[in-house]
Amino acid sequence: MQAMNWSDKTSFLLVDNILLINAHLSSNKEKNPPQMESVKSTLKVLKQTQPNLHIILGGDLNAYLISNPEFDKMFHMFPVSKDDITTIKMRTKAQGQYEKGNVPNIESKDKIITDLNIKKDSGLITFIDGKTKPDLKSYIPTDGHPFDHFLVACRVIKQ
């Protein structure tokens, strides 16, 4: 994955003709845009060169993916809007990034990308229980949800 300018925090699993990718891209403002472009171009090349391969990528892209019509013809995504918030956190001043303390971080930066169809209205952004939907005051992590991102899920349909 490093050869593709992704992150070393990326893993994959090939099951029959489905490639599952778990990606975690850099949050560095200089590294992330080239990584994001590499993800899009790599997925396009994979699909063009391996037409029988299905791809499901899920992960923390650390930025909102800006798509384009050519990419949209090949892949479906969830969430689809910047308004679909996938993380709401506020660091305290008691951590090393002092300048980020007491500053809300509300973003849509987690994504599922697939060449398979996504079942209409199947997308979920919830706490780890899979039921409780966050609102703009749902700061995480908590004792019941010890992660700094919400659960992002959808149903894909294999054609």
N, C-alpha and C. Protein backbone atom coordinates (compact mmCIF):
# COMPACT_ATOMS: atom_id res chain seq x y z
N MET A 1 0.82 -1.20 0.00
CA MET A 1 0.00 0.00 0.00
C MET A 1 0.87 1.27 0.00
N GLN A 2 2.06 1.20 0.58
CA GLN A 2 2.92 2.38 0.58
C GLN A 2 3.32 2.78 -0.83
N ALA A 3 3.51 1.79 -1.71
CA ALA A 3 3.88 2.09 -3.09
C ALA A 3 2.78 2.88 -3.78
N MET A 4 1.55 2.80 -3.27
CA MET A 4 0.43 3.52 -3.85
C MET A 4 0.22 4.87 -3.16
N ASN A 5 1.15 5.26 -2.26
CA ASN A 5 1.05 6.51 -1.51
C ASN A 5 -0.15 6.52 -0.57
N TRP A 6 -0.58 5.34 -0.13
CA TRP A 6 -1.60 5.28 0.89
C TRP A 6 -0.89 5.38 2.22
N SER A 7 -1.46 4.89 3.25
CA SER A 7 -0.84 4.94 4.57
C SER A 7 -0.37 3.56 4.97
N ASP A 8 0.62 3.51 5.86
CA ASP A 8 1.05 2.21 6.36
C ASP A 8 0.03 1.64 7.34
N LYS A 9 -1.03 2.40 7.60
CA LYS A 9 -2.11 1.93 8.47
C LYS A 9 -3.28 1.43 7.62
N THR A 10 -2.98 0.80 6.51
CA THR A 10 -3.98 0.26 5.60
C THR A 10 -3.78 -1.24 5.48
N SER A 11 -4.88 -1.97 5.52
CA SER A 11 -4.81 -3.42 5.37
C SER A 11 -5.85 -3.87 4.35
N PHE A 12 -5.67 -5.08 3.84
CA PHE A 12 -6.64 -5.59 2.88
C PHE A 12 -6.77 -7.09 3.03
N LEU A 13 -7.89 -7.60 2.53
CA LEU A 13 -8.19 -9.02 2.56
C LEU A 13 -8.92 -9.36 1.27
N LEU A 14 -8.47 -10.38 0.58
CA LEU A 14 -9.12 -10.84 -0.64
C LEU A 14 -9.91 -12.10 -0.32
N VAL A 15 -11.23 -12.06 -0.52
CA VAL A 15 -12.11 -13.20 -0.29
C VAL A 15 -12.85 -13.46 -1.59
N ASP A 16 -12.52 -14.60 -2.22
CA ASP A 16 -13.06 -14.92 -3.55
C ASP A 16 -12.75 -13.75 -4.48
N ASN A 17 -13.78 -13.09 -5.00
CA ASN A 17 -13.53 -11.97 -5.91
C ASN A 17 -13.89 -10.63 -5.27
N ILE A 18 -13.80 -10.56 -3.94
CA ILE A 18 -14.09 -9.31 -3.23
C ILE A 18 -12.84 -8.87 -2.48
N LEU A 19 -12.38 -7.66 -2.78
CA LEU A 19 -11.24 -7.07 -2.10
C LEU A 19 -11.76 -6.13 -1.02
N LEU A 20 -11.49 -6.47 0.24
CA LEU A 20 -11.88 -5.64 1.38
C LEU A 20 -10.67 -4.81 1.79
N ILE A 21 -10.84 -3.51 1.88
CA ILE A 21 -9.73 -2.61 2.23
C ILE A 21 -10.13 -1.79 3.43
N ASN A 22 -9.28 -1.77 4.45
CA ASN A 22 -9.44 -0.92 5.63
C ASN A 22 -8.36 0.14 5.53
N ALA A 23 -8.76 1.39 5.30
CA ALA A 23 -7.79 2.46 5.08
C ALA A 23 -7.84 3.49 6.20
N HIS A 24 -6.67 3.96 6.59
CA HIS A 24 -6.56 5.06 7.54
C HIS A 24 -5.52 6.02 6.96
N LEU A 25 -6.01 7.12 6.38
CA LEU A 25 -5.11 8.07 5.73
C LEU A 25 -4.59 9.10 6.74
N SER A 26 -3.56 9.78 6.34
CA SER A 26 -2.92 10.77 7.19
C SER A 26 -3.85 11.95 7.46
N SER A 27 -3.75 12.51 8.66
CA SER A 27 -4.48 13.73 8.98
C SER A 27 -3.65 14.98 8.66
N ASN A 28 -2.41 14.78 8.25
CA ASN A 28 -1.53 15.89 7.88
C ASN A 28 -2.07 16.57 6.63
N LYS A 29 -2.26 17.87 6.69
CA LYS A 29 -2.89 18.63 5.60
C LYS A 29 -2.09 18.60 4.30
N GLU A 30 -0.79 18.30 4.38
CA GLU A 30 0.03 18.20 3.17
C GLU A 30 0.04 16.79 2.61
N LYS A 31 -0.02 15.79 3.48
CA LYS A 31 0.03 14.39 3.04
C LYS A 31 -1.32 13.88 2.56
N ASN A 32 -2.41 14.35 3.17
CA ASN A 32 -3.72 13.77 2.89
C ASN A 32 -4.20 13.96 1.46
N PRO A 33 -4.15 15.16 0.86
CA PRO A 33 -4.67 15.30 -0.51
C PRO A 33 -4.01 14.36 -1.53
N PRO A 34 -2.67 14.21 -1.53
CA PRO A 34 -2.09 13.25 -2.47
C PRO A 34 -2.51 11.80 -2.16
N GLN A 35 -2.65 11.47 -0.87
CA GLN A 35 -3.11 10.12 -0.52
C GLN A 35 -4.54 9.90 -1.04
N MET A 36 -5.39 10.89 -0.87
CA MET A 36 -6.77 10.78 -1.32
C MET A 36 -6.84 10.59 -2.84
N GLU A 37 -6.04 11.35 -3.56
CA GLU A 37 -6.01 11.19 -5.03
C GLU A 37 -5.47 9.82 -5.41
N SER A 38 -4.50 9.32 -4.66
CA SER A 38 -3.95 7.99 -4.91
C SER A 38 -4.99 6.91 -4.67
N VAL A 39 -5.79 7.07 -3.64
CA VAL A 39 -6.87 6.11 -3.38
C VAL A 39 -7.81 6.07 -4.57
N LYS A 40 -8.27 7.24 -5.02
CA LYS A 40 -9.22 7.28 -6.13
C LYS A 40 -8.61 6.69 -7.40
N SER A 41 -7.38 7.07 -7.72
CA SER A 41 -6.77 6.56 -8.97
C SER A 41 -6.49 5.07 -8.87
N THR A 42 -6.06 4.59 -7.70
CA THR A 42 -5.78 3.16 -7.53
C THR A 42 -7.05 2.35 -7.66
N LEU A 43 -8.14 2.80 -7.05
CA LEU A 43 -9.41 2.09 -7.16
C LEU A 43 -9.88 2.03 -8.61
N LYS A 44 -9.74 3.13 -9.33
CA LYS A 44 -10.13 3.15 -10.74
C LYS A 44 -9.30 2.17 -11.56
N VAL A 45 -7.99 2.16 -11.35
CA VAL A 45 -7.11 1.24 -12.10
C VAL A 45 -7.43 -0.21 -11.74
N LEU A 46 -7.64 -0.49 -10.46
CA LEU A 46 -8.00 -1.85 -10.05
C LEU A 46 -9.27 -2.31 -10.76
N LYS A 47 -10.26 -1.45 -10.81
CA LYS A 47 -11.54 -1.83 -11.43
C LYS A 47 -11.39 -1.99 -12.95
N GLN A 48 -10.58 -1.14 -13.56
CA GLN A 48 -10.38 -1.22 -15.01
C GLN A 48 -9.57 -2.45 -15.40
N THR A 49 -8.58 -2.81 -14.60
CA THR A 49 -7.71 -3.94 -14.94
C THR A 49 -8.24 -5.27 -14.41
N GLN A 50 -9.11 -5.23 -13.41
CA GLN A 50 -9.68 -6.45 -12.82
C GLN A 50 -11.21 -6.31 -12.78
N PRO A 51 -11.87 -6.35 -13.93
CA PRO A 51 -13.31 -6.06 -13.96
C PRO A 51 -14.16 -7.03 -13.14
N ASN A 52 -13.68 -8.24 -12.88
CA ASN A 52 -14.45 -9.21 -12.09
C ASN A 52 -14.21 -9.08 -10.59
N LEU A 53 -13.31 -8.19 -10.21
CA LEU A 53 -13.00 -7.96 -8.80
C LEU A 53 -13.97 -6.92 -8.24
N HIS A 54 -14.58 -7.23 -7.10
CA HIS A 54 -15.41 -6.25 -6.41
C HIS A 54 -14.60 -5.65 -5.27
N ILE A 55 -14.81 -4.37 -5.02
CA ILE A 55 -14.01 -3.63 -4.04
C ILE A 55 -14.94 -3.03 -2.99
N ILE A 56 -14.58 -3.22 -1.74
CA ILE A 56 -15.26 -2.54 -0.63
C ILE A 56 -14.16 -1.92 0.24
N LEU A 57 -14.10 -0.60 0.23
CA LEU A 57 -13.13 0.12 1.06
C LEU A 57 -13.90 0.81 2.16
N GLY A 58 -13.41 0.69 3.37
CA GLY A 58 -13.97 1.41 4.49
C GLY A 58 -12.85 1.99 5.32
N GLY A 59 -13.05 3.20 5.80
CA GLY A 59 -12.00 3.71 6.64
C GLY A 59 -12.09 5.17 6.99
N ASP A 60 -11.11 5.58 7.76
CA ASP A 60 -10.95 6.96 8.19
C ASP A 60 -10.06 7.64 7.16
N LEU A 61 -10.68 8.43 6.28
CA LEU A 61 -9.92 9.11 5.23
C LEU A 61 -9.33 10.42 5.74
N ASN A 62 -9.70 10.84 6.93
CA ASN A 62 -9.18 12.05 7.56
C ASN A 62 -9.43 13.31 6.75
N ALA A 63 -10.39 13.26 5.86
CA ALA A 63 -10.83 14.42 5.09
C ALA A 63 -12.09 14.00 4.36
N TYR A 64 -12.87 14.96 3.91
CA TYR A 64 -14.06 14.63 3.14
C TYR A 64 -13.63 14.35 1.70
N LEU A 65 -14.02 13.19 1.18
CA LEU A 65 -13.63 12.81 -0.17
C LEU A 65 -14.41 13.64 -1.18
N ILE A 66 -13.69 14.38 -2.00
CA ILE A 66 -14.31 15.13 -3.08
C ILE A 66 -14.25 14.25 -4.31
N SER A 67 -15.41 13.93 -4.83
CA SER A 67 -15.49 12.99 -5.94
C SER A 67 -15.53 13.74 -7.27
N ASN A 68 -15.68 12.99 -8.34
CA ASN A 68 -15.84 13.56 -9.66
C ASN A 68 -16.72 12.63 -10.48
N PRO A 69 -17.30 13.11 -11.58
CA PRO A 69 -18.25 12.29 -12.34
C PRO A 69 -17.67 10.95 -12.83
N GLU A 70 -16.42 10.93 -13.25
CA GLU A 70 -15.82 9.69 -13.72
C GLU A 70 -15.74 8.67 -12.58
N PHE A 71 -15.32 9.10 -11.41
CA PHE A 71 -15.23 8.22 -10.25
C PHE A 71 -16.63 7.75 -9.83
N ASP A 72 -17.59 8.67 -9.88
CA ASP A 72 -18.96 8.34 -9.47
C ASP A 72 -19.62 7.30 -10.38
N LYS A 73 -19.18 7.21 -11.63
CA LYS A 73 -19.72 6.19 -12.54
C LYS A 73 -19.26 4.80 -12.14
N MET A 74 -18.13 4.71 -11.48
CA MET A 74 -17.54 3.42 -11.14
C MET A 74 -17.82 2.98 -9.70
N PHE A 75 -18.04 3.94 -8.80
CA PHE A 75 -18.12 3.63 -7.37
C PHE A 75 -19.30 4.32 -6.70
N HIS A 76 -19.79 3.67 -5.65
CA HIS A 76 -20.83 4.22 -4.79
C HIS A 76 -20.19 4.50 -3.43
N MET A 77 -20.75 5.49 -2.72
CA MET A 77 -20.16 5.87 -1.45
C MET A 77 -21.22 6.10 -0.38
N PHE A 78 -20.82 5.87 0.85
CA PHE A 78 -21.60 6.27 2.01
C PHE A 78 -20.61 6.67 3.11
N PRO A 79 -20.88 7.75 3.79
CA PRO A 79 -21.92 8.75 3.61
C PRO A 79 -21.70 9.56 2.34
N VAL A 80 -22.75 10.23 1.90
CA VAL A 80 -22.68 10.97 0.65
C VAL A 80 -22.57 12.48 0.84
N SER A 81 -22.80 12.96 2.03
CA SER A 81 -22.81 14.40 2.26
C SER A 81 -21.84 14.80 3.37
N LYS A 82 -21.31 16.00 3.24
CA LYS A 82 -20.46 16.56 4.30
C LYS A 82 -21.24 16.74 5.60
N ASP A 83 -22.55 16.81 5.47
CA ASP A 83 -23.41 16.98 6.65
C ASP A 83 -23.61 15.67 7.42
N ASP A 84 -23.18 14.55 6.85
CA ASP A 84 -23.25 13.26 7.52
C ASP A 84 -22.03 13.14 8.43
N ILE A 85 -22.14 13.62 9.65
CA ILE A 85 -21.02 13.74 10.58
C ILE A 85 -20.61 12.36 11.09
N THR A 86 -19.31 12.06 11.01
CA THR A 86 -18.82 10.75 11.46
C THR A 86 -17.91 10.85 12.69
N THR A 87 -17.56 12.06 13.11
CA THR A 87 -16.79 12.23 14.33
C THR A 87 -17.12 13.59 14.95
N ILE A 88 -17.32 13.57 16.26
CA ILE A 88 -17.54 14.80 17.03
C ILE A 88 -16.70 14.65 18.29
N LYS A 89 -15.64 15.40 18.35
CA LYS A 89 -14.78 15.28 19.53
C LYS A 89 -14.25 16.65 19.94
N MET A 90 -13.85 16.73 21.18
CA MET A 90 -13.22 17.94 21.68
C MET A 90 -12.12 17.51 22.64
N ARG A 91 -10.90 17.82 22.25
CA ARG A 91 -9.77 17.49 23.12
C ARG A 91 -9.77 18.43 24.33
N THR A 92 -9.18 17.96 25.39
CA THR A 92 -9.02 18.82 26.56
C THR A 92 -7.64 19.49 26.48
N LYS A 93 -7.42 20.44 27.34
CA LYS A 93 -6.11 21.10 27.40
C LYS A 93 -5.07 20.22 28.07
N ALA A 94 -5.48 19.06 28.58
CA ALA A 94 -4.58 18.16 29.29
C ALA A 94 -3.87 17.18 28.36
N GLN A 95 -3.90 17.42 27.07
CA GLN A 95 -3.21 16.54 26.12
C GLN A 95 -2.14 17.33 25.38
N GLY A 96 -1.32 16.65 24.63
CA GLY A 96 -0.13 17.26 24.02
C GLY A 96 -0.40 18.31 22.97
N GLN A 97 -1.54 18.25 22.31
CA GLN A 97 -1.85 19.23 21.27
C GLN A 97 -2.66 20.37 21.90
N TYR A 98 -1.97 21.16 22.73
CA TYR A 98 -2.62 22.17 23.55
C TYR A 98 -3.48 23.14 22.74
N GLU A 99 -3.00 23.52 21.54
CA GLU A 99 -3.73 24.48 20.70
C GLU A 99 -5.07 23.92 20.22
N LYS A 100 -5.22 22.60 20.24
CA LYS A 100 -6.48 21.97 19.82
C LYS A 100 -7.43 21.73 20.99
N GLY A 101 -7.01 22.10 22.19
CA GLY A 101 -7.83 21.89 23.38
C GLY A 101 -9.06 22.78 23.38
N ASN A 102 -10.20 22.22 23.81
CA ASN A 102 -11.47 22.92 23.92
C ASN A 102 -11.99 23.46 22.58
N VAL A 103 -11.52 22.89 21.48
CA VAL A 103 -11.99 23.28 20.14
C VAL A 103 -12.78 22.10 19.56
N PRO A 104 -14.07 22.28 19.30
CA PRO A 104 -14.86 21.17 18.74
C PRO A 104 -14.34 20.76 17.36
N ASN A 105 -14.30 19.46 17.14
CA ASN A 105 -13.90 18.90 15.85
C ASN A 105 -15.09 18.09 15.36
N ILE A 106 -15.84 18.65 14.40
CA ILE A 106 -17.06 18.03 13.89
C ILE A 106 -16.86 17.84 12.39
N GLU A 107 -16.71 16.56 11.96
CA GLU A 107 -16.37 16.32 10.57
C GLU A 107 -17.01 15.06 10.01
N SER A 108 -17.04 15.01 8.69
CA SER A 108 -17.42 13.80 7.96
C SER A 108 -16.17 13.32 7.25
N LYS A 109 -15.48 12.34 7.85
CA LYS A 109 -14.23 11.91 7.25
C LYS A 109 -14.08 10.40 7.17
N ASP A 110 -15.13 9.68 7.51
CA ASP A 110 -15.12 8.24 7.37
C ASP A 110 -15.99 7.88 6.17
N LYS A 111 -15.59 6.86 5.42
CA LYS A 111 -16.27 6.59 4.16
C LYS A 111 -16.24 5.11 3.85
N ILE A 112 -17.31 4.65 3.21
CA ILE A 112 -17.35 3.34 2.57
C ILE A 112 -17.44 3.61 1.08
N ILE A 113 -16.53 3.00 0.32
CA ILE A 113 -16.49 3.15 -1.13
C ILE A 113 -16.54 1.76 -1.73
N THR A 114 -17.44 1.54 -2.68
CA THR A 114 -17.56 0.22 -3.29
C THR A 114 -18.06 0.31 -4.73
N ASP A 115 -17.70 -0.69 -5.51
CA ASP A 115 -18.25 -0.78 -6.86
C ASP A 115 -19.58 -1.53 -6.85
N LEU A 116 -19.92 -2.13 -5.72
CA LEU A 116 -21.21 -2.80 -5.57
C LEU A 116 -22.28 -1.77 -5.26
N ASN A 117 -23.52 -2.12 -5.50
CA ASN A 117 -24.61 -1.21 -5.17
C ASN A 117 -24.79 -1.15 -3.65
N ILE A 118 -25.14 0.02 -3.17
CA ILE A 118 -25.46 0.21 -1.76
C ILE A 118 -26.98 0.23 -1.66
N LYS A 119 -27.51 -0.64 -0.80
CA LYS A 119 -28.96 -0.72 -0.63
C LYS A 119 -29.49 0.63 -0.17
N LYS A 120 -30.51 1.10 -0.85
CA LYS A 120 -31.11 2.40 -0.55
C LYS A 120 -31.53 2.47 0.92
N ASP A 121 -31.22 3.58 1.54
CA ASP A 121 -31.58 3.86 2.94
C ASP A 121 -31.00 2.87 3.94
N SER A 122 -29.92 2.17 3.57
CA SER A 122 -29.32 1.22 4.50
C SER A 122 -28.18 1.83 5.32
N GLY A 123 -27.76 3.02 4.96
CA GLY A 123 -26.62 3.64 5.64
C GLY A 123 -26.93 4.04 7.08
N LEU A 124 -25.96 3.79 7.94
CA LEU A 124 -26.09 4.13 9.35
C LEU A 124 -24.85 4.86 9.84
N ILE A 125 -25.06 5.85 10.66
CA ILE A 125 -23.98 6.46 11.44
C ILE A 125 -24.51 6.44 12.86
N THR A 126 -23.89 5.60 13.71
CA THR A 126 -24.41 5.40 15.06
C THR A 126 -23.28 5.25 16.06
N PHE A 127 -23.67 5.21 17.32
CA PHE A 127 -22.75 4.77 18.36
C PHE A 127 -22.51 3.28 18.17
N ILE A 128 -21.60 2.71 18.92
CA ILE A 128 -21.19 1.31 18.76
C ILE A 128 -22.35 0.33 18.95
N ASP A 129 -23.42 0.75 19.61
CA ASP A 129 -24.57 -0.15 19.79
C ASP A 129 -25.33 -0.40 18.48
N GLY A 130 -25.02 0.38 17.46
CA GLY A 130 -25.67 0.21 16.16
C GLY A 130 -27.07 0.78 16.09
N LYS A 131 -27.52 1.44 17.15
CA LYS A 131 -28.89 1.96 17.20
C LYS A 131 -28.95 3.46 17.50
N THR A 132 -28.12 3.91 18.44
CA THR A 132 -28.18 5.29 18.90
C THR A 132 -27.52 6.21 17.90
N LYS A 133 -28.32 7.13 17.34
CA LYS A 133 -27.79 8.07 16.36
C LYS A 133 -27.25 9.31 17.08
N PRO A 134 -26.07 9.76 16.69
CA PRO A 134 -25.49 10.93 17.35
C PRO A 134 -26.17 12.23 16.92
N ASP A 135 -26.08 13.23 17.79
CA ASP A 135 -26.47 14.58 17.41
C ASP A 135 -25.23 15.46 17.58
N LEU A 136 -25.35 16.74 17.34
CA LEU A 136 -24.19 17.63 17.37
C LEU A 136 -23.62 17.86 18.77
N LYS A 137 -24.23 17.28 19.79
CA LYS A 137 -23.70 17.37 21.15
C LYS A 137 -23.16 16.02 21.61
N SER A 138 -23.03 15.08 20.68
CA SER A 138 -22.58 13.72 21.01
C SER A 138 -21.06 13.61 20.94
N TYR A 139 -20.38 14.23 21.89
CA TYR A 139 -18.93 14.17 21.89
C TYR A 139 -18.44 12.77 22.24
N ILE A 140 -17.45 12.34 21.54
CA ILE A 140 -16.84 11.02 21.76
C ILE A 140 -15.34 11.19 21.89
N PRO A 141 -14.64 10.27 22.54
CA PRO A 141 -15.10 9.01 23.11
C PRO A 141 -15.84 9.21 24.43
N THR A 142 -16.59 8.15 24.79
CA THR A 142 -17.27 8.09 26.08
C THR A 142 -16.99 6.72 26.68
N ASP A 143 -17.45 6.49 27.90
CA ASP A 143 -17.28 5.17 28.52
C ASP A 143 -17.99 4.10 27.71
N GLY A 144 -19.17 4.42 27.18
CA GLY A 144 -19.93 3.45 26.40
C GLY A 144 -19.51 3.34 24.95
N HIS A 145 -18.78 4.32 24.45
CA HIS A 145 -18.30 4.35 23.06
C HIS A 145 -16.85 4.84 23.09
N PRO A 146 -15.91 3.94 23.36
CA PRO A 146 -14.52 4.37 23.59
C PRO A 146 -13.72 4.65 22.31
N PHE A 147 -14.36 5.15 21.29
CA PHE A 147 -13.72 5.43 20.01
C PHE A 147 -13.93 6.90 19.66
N ASP A 148 -13.05 7.45 18.81
CA ASP A 148 -13.22 8.86 18.44
C ASP A 148 -13.91 9.03 17.09
N HIS A 149 -14.53 7.97 16.59
CA HIS A 149 -15.36 8.02 15.38
C HIS A 149 -16.61 7.19 15.65
N PHE A 150 -17.69 7.54 14.97
CA PHE A 150 -18.91 6.75 15.08
C PHE A 150 -18.83 5.53 14.17
N LEU A 151 -19.73 4.60 14.37
CA LEU A 151 -19.85 3.45 13.50
C LEU A 151 -20.49 3.91 12.19
N VAL A 152 -19.86 3.57 11.08
CA VAL A 152 -20.39 3.90 9.76
C VAL A 152 -20.62 2.57 9.04
N ALA A 153 -21.86 2.34 8.61
CA ALA A 153 -22.19 1.05 8.00
C ALA A 153 -23.25 1.23 6.92
N CYS A 154 -23.26 0.30 5.99
CA CYS A 154 -24.32 0.23 4.98
C CYS A 154 -24.34 -1.19 4.42
N ARG A 155 -25.42 -1.53 3.76
CA ARG A 155 -25.54 -2.85 3.13
C ARG A 155 -25.17 -2.74 1.67
N VAL A 156 -24.27 -3.61 1.24
CA VAL A 156 -23.91 -3.65 -0.17
C VAL A 156 -24.58 -4.86 -0.81
N ILE A 157 -24.90 -4.72 -2.07
CA ILE A 157 -25.61 -5.77 -2.79
C ILE A 157 -24.71 -6.29 -3.89
N LYS A 158 -24.38 -7.56 -3.82
CA LYS A 158 -23.55 -8.17 -4.85
C LYS A 158 -24.45 -8.51 -6.04
N GLN A 159 -24.10 -7.97 -7.20
CA GLN A 159 -24.92 -8.16 -8.40
C GLN A 159 -24.90 -9.61 -8.84
